[in-house]
Structures are given as structure tokens and as C-alpha cells.
Amino acid sequence: MMKKIVDARGLEPPQPFELAMDTLADLPKGESMTLLLDRMPYPLFRILDRDGYKYENRIRDDGVVEIDILNP
């Protein structure tokens, strides 16, 4: 199992959201992805909660928002 890394830093909204959703659509059950962003994606969190994804987010020392998302 290889974790996908999606680097959406530096993109203008709504590109990071669209990139995350496109990647999630292709993410097999049981697989995970790491999303790298410049800011917290609160609209994405609502979608993940609604659709039953498991996720953890943190802000790294360099200010990058890192979100691990699992497709259960």
C-alpha cells in the first residue's frame, strides 16, 4: 500500500479543494492520502465528515497544513 501525497500548496481556491476531491474519488477503500496545504480547508472537513472519511490534521513547524485522509 502506497500513500498518495497531494501537494496543493500555492494553488488558488478552489483548485486545492478540487484536487483533493479528484484524488479522493480515485482513492481505493483502505488507502490513504496526505494533503499539503497553505491553510485549513474547513469546507473539505465538512465533506470528509459527511462522507465518512477518517482524517487527522496538523500544522507543521514550517506552517504547512498536513492532512492525512483514510478511505475506510
PDB file of N, CA and C in Angstrom:
ATOM      1  N   MET A   1       0.839  -1.175   0.000  1.00  0.00           N
ATOM      2  CA  MET A   1       0.000   0.000   0.000  1.00  0.00           C
ATOM      3  C   MET A   1       0.888   1.244   0.000  1.00  0.00           C
ATOM      4  N   MET A   2       0.692   2.105  -0.987  1.00  0.00           N
ATOM      5  CA  MET A   2       1.488   3.312  -1.089  1.00  0.00           C
ATOM      6  C   MET A   2       0.604   4.522  -0.831  1.00  0.00           C
ATOM      7  N   LYS A   3       1.029   5.380   0.085  1.00  0.00           N
ATOM      8  CA  LYS A   3       0.247   6.564   0.405  1.00  0.00           C
ATOM      9  C   LYS A   3       0.445   7.612  -0.676  1.00  0.00           C
ATOM     10  N   LYS A   4      -0.662   8.193  -1.132  1.00  0.00           N
ATOM     11  CA  LYS A   4      -0.587   9.281  -2.107  1.00  0.00           C
ATOM     12  C   LYS A   4      -0.280  10.575  -1.374  1.00  0.00           C
ATOM     13  N   ILE A   5       0.573  11.383  -1.956  1.00  0.00           N
ATOM     14  CA  ILE A   5       0.877  12.711  -1.440  1.00  0.00           C
ATOM     15  C   ILE A   5       0.338  13.711  -2.459  1.00  0.00           C
ATOM     16  N   VAL A   6      -0.519  14.610  -2.003  1.00  0.00           N
ATOM     17  CA  VAL A   6      -1.085  15.633  -2.874  1.00  0.00           C
ATOM     18  C   VAL A   6      -0.617  16.986  -2.349  1.00  0.00           C
ATOM     19  N   ASP A   7       0.230  17.641  -3.108  1.00  0.00           N
ATOM     20  CA  ASP A   7       0.767  18.938  -2.709  1.00  0.00           C
ATOM     21  C   ASP A   7      -0.029  20.028  -3.413  1.00  0.00           C
ATOM     22  N   ALA A   8      -0.931  20.667  -2.660  1.00  0.00           N
ATOM     23  CA  ALA A   8      -1.782  21.711  -3.223  1.00  0.00           C
ATOM     24  C   ALA A   8      -1.368  23.097  -2.718  1.00  0.00           C
ATOM     25  N   ARG A   9      -0.150  23.190  -2.194  1.00  0.00           N
ATOM     26  CA  ARG A   9       0.340  24.494  -1.732  1.00  0.00           C
ATOM     27  C   ARG A   9       0.536  25.424  -2.919  1.00  0.00           C
ATOM     28  N   GLY A  10       0.227  26.689  -2.687  1.00  0.00           N
ATOM     29  CA  GLY A  10       0.458  27.693  -3.721  1.00  0.00           C
ATOM     30  C   GLY A  10      -0.644  27.794  -4.755  1.00  0.00           C
ATOM     31  N   LEU A  11      -1.647  26.928  -4.676  1.00  0.00           N
ATOM     32  CA  LEU A  11      -2.753  26.990  -5.628  1.00  0.00           C
ATOM     33  C   LEU A  11      -3.836  27.929  -5.107  1.00  0.00           C
ATOM     34  N   GLU A  12      -4.525  28.585  -6.021  1.00  0.00           N
ATOM     35  CA  GLU A  12      -5.613  29.483  -5.646  1.00  0.00           C
ATOM     36  C   GLU A  12      -6.910  28.705  -5.504  1.00  0.00           C
ATOM     37  N   PRO A  13      -7.728  29.073  -4.507  1.00  0.00           N
ATOM     38  CA  PRO A  13      -9.042  28.430  -4.383  1.00  0.00           C
ATOM     39  C   PRO A  13      -9.840  28.630  -5.674  1.00  0.00           C
ATOM     40  N   PRO A  14     -10.600  27.653  -6.111  1.00  0.00           N
ATOM     41  CA  PRO A  14     -10.930  26.389  -5.447  1.00  0.00           C
ATOM     42  C   PRO A  14     -10.037  25.220  -5.872  1.00  0.00           C
ATOM     43  N   GLN A  15      -8.882  25.505  -6.490  1.00  0.00           N
ATOM     44  CA  GLN A  15      -8.036  24.425  -7.008  1.00  0.00           C
ATOM     45  C   GLN A  15      -7.628  23.395  -5.955  1.00  0.00           C
ATOM     46  N   PRO A  16      -7.214  23.791  -4.739  1.00  0.00           N
ATOM     47  CA  PRO A  16      -6.841  22.763  -3.755  1.00  0.00           C
ATOM     48  C   PRO A  16      -8.009  21.838  -3.406  1.00  0.00           C
ATOM     49  N   PHE A  17      -9.197  22.409  -3.247  1.00  0.00           N
ATOM     50  CA  PHE A  17     -10.391  21.609  -2.940  1.00  0.00           C
ATOM     51  C   PHE A  17     -10.686  20.644  -4.083  1.00  0.00           C
ATOM     52  N   GLU A  18     -10.660  21.148  -5.312  1.00  0.00           N
ATOM     53  CA  GLU A  18     -10.946  20.297  -6.475  1.00  0.00           C
ATOM     54  C   GLU A  18      -9.916  19.183  -6.620  1.00  0.00           C
ATOM     55  N   LEU A  19      -8.649  19.495  -6.400  1.00  0.00           N
ATOM     56  CA  LEU A  19      -7.588  18.488  -6.486  1.00  0.00           C
ATOM     57  C   LEU A  19      -7.785  17.414  -5.423  1.00  0.00           C
ATOM     58  N   ALA A  20      -8.117  17.839  -4.201  1.00  0.00           N
ATOM     59  CA  ALA A  20      -8.367  16.881  -3.119  1.00  0.00           C
ATOM     60  C   ALA A  20      -9.557  15.994  -3.452  1.00  0.00           C
ATOM     61  N   MET A  21     -10.635  16.575  -3.947  1.00  0.00           N
ATOM     62  CA  MET A  21     -11.829  15.786  -4.265  1.00  0.00           C
ATOM     63  C   MET A  21     -11.573  14.814  -5.416  1.00  0.00           C
ATOM     64  N   ASP A  22     -10.831  15.234  -6.419  1.00  0.00           N
ATOM     65  CA  ASP A  22     -10.489  14.340  -7.530  1.00  0.00           C
ATOM     66  C   ASP A  22      -9.646  13.164  -7.041  1.00  0.00           C
ATOM     67  N   THR A  23      -8.698  13.431  -6.154  1.00  0.00           N
ATOM     68  CA  THR A  23      -7.852  12.366  -5.618  1.00  0.00           C
ATOM     69  C   THR A  23      -8.662  11.427  -4.746  1.00  0.00           C
ATOM     70  N   LEU A  24      -9.545  11.971  -3.921  1.00  0.00           N
ATOM     71  CA  LEU A  24     -10.398  11.126  -3.073  1.00  0.00           C
ATOM     72  C   LEU A  24     -11.306  10.229  -3.907  1.00  0.00           C
ATOM     73  N   ALA A  25     -11.796  10.748  -5.014  1.00  0.00           N
ATOM     74  CA  ALA A  25     -12.693   9.964  -5.875  1.00  0.00           C
ATOM     75  C   ALA A  25     -12.003   8.714  -6.401  1.00  0.00           C
ATOM     76  N   ASP A  26     -10.676   8.769  -6.565  1.00  0.00           N
ATOM     77  CA  ASP A  26      -9.912   7.637  -7.093  1.00  0.00           C
ATOM     78  C   ASP A  26      -9.209   6.833  -6.004  1.00  0.00           C
ATOM     79  N   LEU A  27      -9.416   7.193  -4.725  1.00  0.00           N
ATOM     80  CA  LEU A  27      -8.717   6.542  -3.623  1.00  0.00           C
ATOM     81  C   LEU A  27      -9.443   5.249  -3.235  1.00  0.00           C
ATOM     82  N   PRO A  28      -8.786   4.095  -3.416  1.00  0.00           N
ATOM     83  CA  PRO A  28      -9.440   2.828  -3.082  1.00  0.00           C
ATOM     84  C   PRO A  28      -9.723   2.717  -1.581  1.00  0.00           C
ATOM     85  N   LYS A  29     -10.728   1.924  -1.239  1.00  0.00           N
ATOM     86  CA  LYS A  29     -11.051   1.652   0.167  1.00  0.00           C
ATOM     87  C   LYS A  29      -9.807   1.118   0.871  1.00  0.00           C
ATOM     88  N   GLY A  30      -9.589   1.613   2.087  1.00  0.00           N
ATOM     89  CA  GLY A  30      -8.445   1.173   2.870  1.00  0.00           C
ATOM     90  C   GLY A  30      -7.150   1.907   2.566  1.00  0.00           C
ATOM     91  N   GLU A  31      -7.150   2.737   1.528  1.00  0.00           N
ATOM     92  CA  GLU A  31      -5.954   3.507   1.166  1.00  0.00           C
ATOM     93  C   GLU A  31      -6.033   4.892   1.800  1.00  0.00           C
ATOM     94  N   SER A  32      -4.872   5.556   1.857  1.00  0.00           N
ATOM     95  CA  SER A  32      -4.844   6.892   2.447  1.00  0.00           C
ATOM     96  C   SER A  32      -4.068   7.852   1.568  1.00  0.00           C
ATOM     97  N   MET A  33      -4.272   9.128   1.843  1.00  0.00           N
ATOM     98  CA  MET A  33      -3.550  10.179   1.143  1.00  0.00           C
ATOM     99  C   MET A  33      -3.144  11.241   2.154  1.00  0.00           C
ATOM    100  N   THR A  34      -2.102  11.969   1.834  1.00  0.00           N
ATOM    101  CA  THR A  34      -1.680  13.114   2.623  1.00  0.00           C
ATOM    102  C   THR A  34      -1.823  14.345   1.742  1.00  0.00           C
ATOM    103  N   LEU A  35      -2.534  15.319   2.262  1.00  0.00           N
ATOM    104  CA  LEU A  35      -2.788  16.563   1.550  1.00  0.00           C
ATOM    105  C   LEU A  35      -1.970  17.670   2.209  1.00  0.00           C
ATOM    106  N   LEU A  36      -1.206  18.409   1.414  1.00  0.00           N
ATOM    107  CA  LEU A  36      -0.400  19.519   1.905  1.00  0.00           C
ATOM    108  C   LEU A  36      -1.015  20.823   1.404  1.00  0.00           C
ATOM    109  N   LEU A  37      -1.283  21.734   2.351  1.00  0.00           N
ATOM    110  CA  LEU A  37      -1.975  22.982   2.016  1.00  0.00           C
ATOM    111  C   LEU A  37      -1.345  24.169   2.731  1.00  0.00           C
ATOM    112  N   ASP A  38      -1.753  25.359   2.281  1.00  0.00           N
ATOM    113  CA  ASP A  38      -1.302  26.598   2.904  1.00  0.00           C
ATOM    114  C   ASP A  38      -2.224  27.047   4.039  1.00  0.00           C
ATOM    115  N   ARG A  39      -3.438  26.499   4.090  1.00  0.00           N
ATOM    116  CA  ARG A  39      -4.415  26.911   5.105  1.00  0.00           C
ATOM    117  C   ARG A  39      -5.341  25.751   5.432  1.00  0.00           C
ATOM    118  N   MET A  40      -6.055  25.856   6.549  1.00  0.00           N
ATOM    119  CA  MET A  40      -7.008  24.814   6.940  1.00  0.00           C
ATOM    120  C   MET A  40      -8.179  24.799   5.963  1.00  0.00           C
ATOM    121  N   PRO A  41      -8.526  23.623   5.452  1.00  0.00           N
ATOM    122  CA  PRO A  41      -9.602  23.518   4.456  1.00  0.00           C
ATOM    123  C   PRO A  41     -10.952  23.162   5.114  1.00  0.00           C
ATOM    124  N   TYR A  42     -11.539  24.119   5.823  1.00  0.00           N
ATOM    125  CA  TYR A  42     -12.768  23.824   6.566  1.00  0.00           C
ATOM    126  C   TYR A  42     -13.901  23.274   5.693  1.00  0.00           C
ATOM    127  N   PRO A  43     -14.108  23.775   4.464  1.00  0.00           N
ATOM    128  CA  PRO A  43     -15.150  23.152   3.623  1.00  0.00           C
ATOM    129  C   PRO A  43     -14.857  21.673   3.324  1.00  0.00           C
ATOM    130  N   LEU A  44     -13.571  21.334   3.141  1.00  0.00           N
ATOM    131  CA  LEU A  44     -13.199  19.937   2.891  1.00  0.00           C
ATOM    132  C   LEU A  44     -13.508  19.076   4.114  1.00  0.00           C
ATOM    133  N   PHE A  45     -13.242  19.599   5.319  1.00  0.00           N
ATOM    134  CA  PHE A  45     -13.528  18.833   6.539  1.00  0.00           C
ATOM    135  C   PHE A  45     -15.010  18.469   6.623  1.00  0.00           C
ATOM    136  N   ARG A  46     -15.874  19.397   6.238  1.00  0.00           N
ATOM    137  CA  ARG A  46     -17.323  19.107   6.268  1.00  0.00           C
ATOM    138  C   ARG A  46     -17.675  17.962   5.315  1.00  0.00           C
ATOM    139  N   ILE A  47     -17.066  17.954   4.147  1.00  0.00           N
ATOM    140  CA  ILE A  47     -17.312  16.883   3.165  1.00  0.00           C
ATOM    141  C   ILE A  47     -16.771  15.552   3.687  1.00  0.00           C
ATOM    142  N   LEU A  48     -15.564  15.581   4.257  1.00  0.00           N
ATOM    143  CA  LEU A  48     -14.971  14.349   4.788  1.00  0.00           C
ATOM    144  C   LEU A  48     -15.846  13.778   5.905  1.00  0.00           C
ATOM    145  N   ASP A  49     -16.327  14.641   6.800  1.00  0.00           N
ATOM    146  CA  ASP A  49     -17.211  14.191   7.883  1.00  0.00           C
ATOM    147  C   ASP A  49     -18.503  13.609   7.313  1.00  0.00           C
ATOM    148  N   ARG A  50     -19.086  14.297   6.365  1.00  0.00           N
ATOM    149  CA  ARG A  50     -20.349  13.852   5.765  1.00  0.00           C
ATOM    150  C   ARG A  50     -20.206  12.492   5.093  1.00  0.00           C
ATOM    151  N   ASP A  51     -19.069  12.290   4.414  1.00  0.00           N
ATOM    152  CA  ASP A  51     -18.884  11.069   3.615  1.00  0.00           C
ATOM    153  C   ASP A  51     -18.182   9.942   4.369  1.00  0.00           C
ATOM    154  N   GLY A  52     -17.877  10.143   5.656  1.00  0.00           N
ATOM    155  CA  GLY A  52     -17.352   9.065   6.483  1.00  0.00           C
ATOM    156  C   GLY A  52     -15.858   8.797   6.385  1.00  0.00           C
ATOM    157  N   TYR A  53     -15.097   9.757   5.837  1.00  0.00           N
ATOM    158  CA  TYR A  53     -13.648   9.594   5.800  1.00  0.00           C
ATOM    159  C   TYR A  53     -13.074   9.835   7.190  1.00  0.00           C
ATOM    160  N   LYS A  54     -11.979   9.171   7.491  1.00  0.00           N
ATOM    161  CA  LYS A  54     -11.245   9.415   8.724  1.00  0.00           C
ATOM    162  C   LYS A  54     -10.062  10.316   8.366  1.00  0.00           C
ATOM    163  N   TYR A  55      -9.787  11.307   9.205  1.00  0.00           N
ATOM    164  CA  TYR A  55      -8.678  12.207   8.899  1.00  0.00           C
ATOM    165  C   TYR A  55      -8.081  12.803  10.168  1.00  0.00           C
ATOM    166  N   GLU A  56      -6.835  13.201  10.041  1.00  0.00           N
ATOM    167  CA  GLU A  56      -6.113  13.908  11.094  1.00  0.00           C
ATOM    168  C   GLU A  56      -5.407  15.075  10.432  1.00  0.00           C
ATOM    169  N   ASN A  57      -5.400  16.223  11.110  1.00  0.00           N
ATOM    170  CA  ASN A  57      -4.699  17.370  10.555  1.00  0.00           C
ATOM    171  C   ASN A  57      -3.752  17.953  11.583  1.00  0.00           C
ATOM    172  N   ARG A  58      -2.717  18.576  11.075  1.00  0.00           N
ATOM    173  CA  ARG A  58      -1.736  19.232  11.934  1.00  0.00           C
ATOM    174  C   ARG A  58      -1.077  20.352  11.134  1.00  0.00           C
ATOM    175  N   ILE A  59      -0.531  21.290  11.888  1.00  0.00           N
ATOM    176  CA  ILE A  59       0.242  22.363  11.271  1.00  0.00           C
ATOM    177  C   ILE A  59       1.707  22.091  11.595  1.00  0.00           C
ATOM    178  N   ARG A  60       2.495  21.899  10.553  1.00  0.00           N
ATOM    179  CA  ARG A  60       3.913  21.603  10.740  1.00  0.00           C
ATOM    180  C   ARG A  60       4.657  22.852  11.214  1.00  0.00           C
ATOM    181  N   ASP A  61       5.871  22.665  11.685  1.00  0.00           N
ATOM    182  CA  ASP A  61       6.696  23.786  12.151  1.00  0.00           C
ATOM    183  C   ASP A  61       6.923  24.833  11.064  1.00  0.00           C
ATOM    184  N   ASP A  62       6.902  24.391   9.792  1.00  0.00           N
ATOM    185  CA  ASP A  62       7.114  25.332   8.688  1.00  0.00           C
ATOM    186  C   ASP A  62       5.816  26.018   8.248  1.00  0.00           C
ATOM    187  N   GLY A  63       4.706  25.771   8.969  1.00  0.00           N
ATOM    188  CA  GLY A  63       3.436  26.420   8.672  1.00  0.00           C
ATOM    189  C   GLY A  63       2.557  25.682   7.689  1.00  0.00           C
ATOM    190  N   VAL A  64       3.045  24.595   7.124  1.00  0.00           N
ATOM    191  CA  VAL A  64       2.263  23.814   6.165  1.00  0.00           C
ATOM    192  C   VAL A  64       1.192  23.015   6.910  1.00  0.00           C
ATOM    193  N   VAL A  65      -0.022  23.048   6.387  1.00  0.00           N
ATOM    194  CA  VAL A  65      -1.112  22.242   6.919  1.00  0.00           C
ATOM    195  C   VAL A  65      -1.020  20.871   6.260  1.00  0.00           C
ATOM    196  N   GLU A  66      -0.930  19.832   7.083  1.00  0.00           N
ATOM    197  CA  GLU A  66      -0.789  18.460   6.594  1.00  0.00           C
ATOM    198  C   GLU A  66      -2.004  17.667   7.081  1.00  0.00           C
ATOM    199  N   ILE A  67      -2.713  17.050   6.140  1.00  0.00           N
ATOM    200  CA  ILE A  67      -3.917  16.304   6.476  1.00  0.00           C
ATOM    201  C   ILE A  67      -3.783  14.881   5.942  1.00  0.00           C
ATOM    202  N   ASP A  68      -3.855  13.918   6.841  1.00  0.00           N
ATOM    203  CA  ASP A  68      -3.873  12.510   6.453  1.00  0.00           C
ATOM    204  C   ASP A  68      -5.330  12.072   6.375  1.00  0.00           C
ATOM    205  N   ILE A  69      -5.720  11.525   5.227  1.00  0.00           N
ATOM    206  CA  ILE A  69      -7.100  11.126   4.991  1.00  0.00           C
ATOM    207  C   ILE A  69      -7.130   9.644   4.628  1.00  0.00           C
ATOM    208  N   LEU A  70      -7.979   8.885   5.327  1.00  0.00           N
ATOM    209  CA  LEU A  70      -8.144   7.456   5.080  1.00  0.00           C
ATOM    210  C   LEU A  70      -9.529   7.210   4.516  1.00  0.00           C
ATOM    211  N   ASN A  71      -9.582   6.436   3.440  1.00  0.00           N
ATOM    212  CA  ASN A  71     -10.859   5.998   2.890  1.00  0.00           C
ATOM    213  C   ASN A  71     -11.181   4.663   3.561  1.00  0.00           C
ATOM    214  N   PRO A  72     -12.067   4.677   4.575  1.00  0.00           N
ATOM    215  CA  PRO A  72     -12.304   3.442   5.354  1.00  0.00           C
ATOM    216  C   PRO A  72     -12.992   2.343   4.550  1.00  0.00           C
TER     217      PRO A  72
END
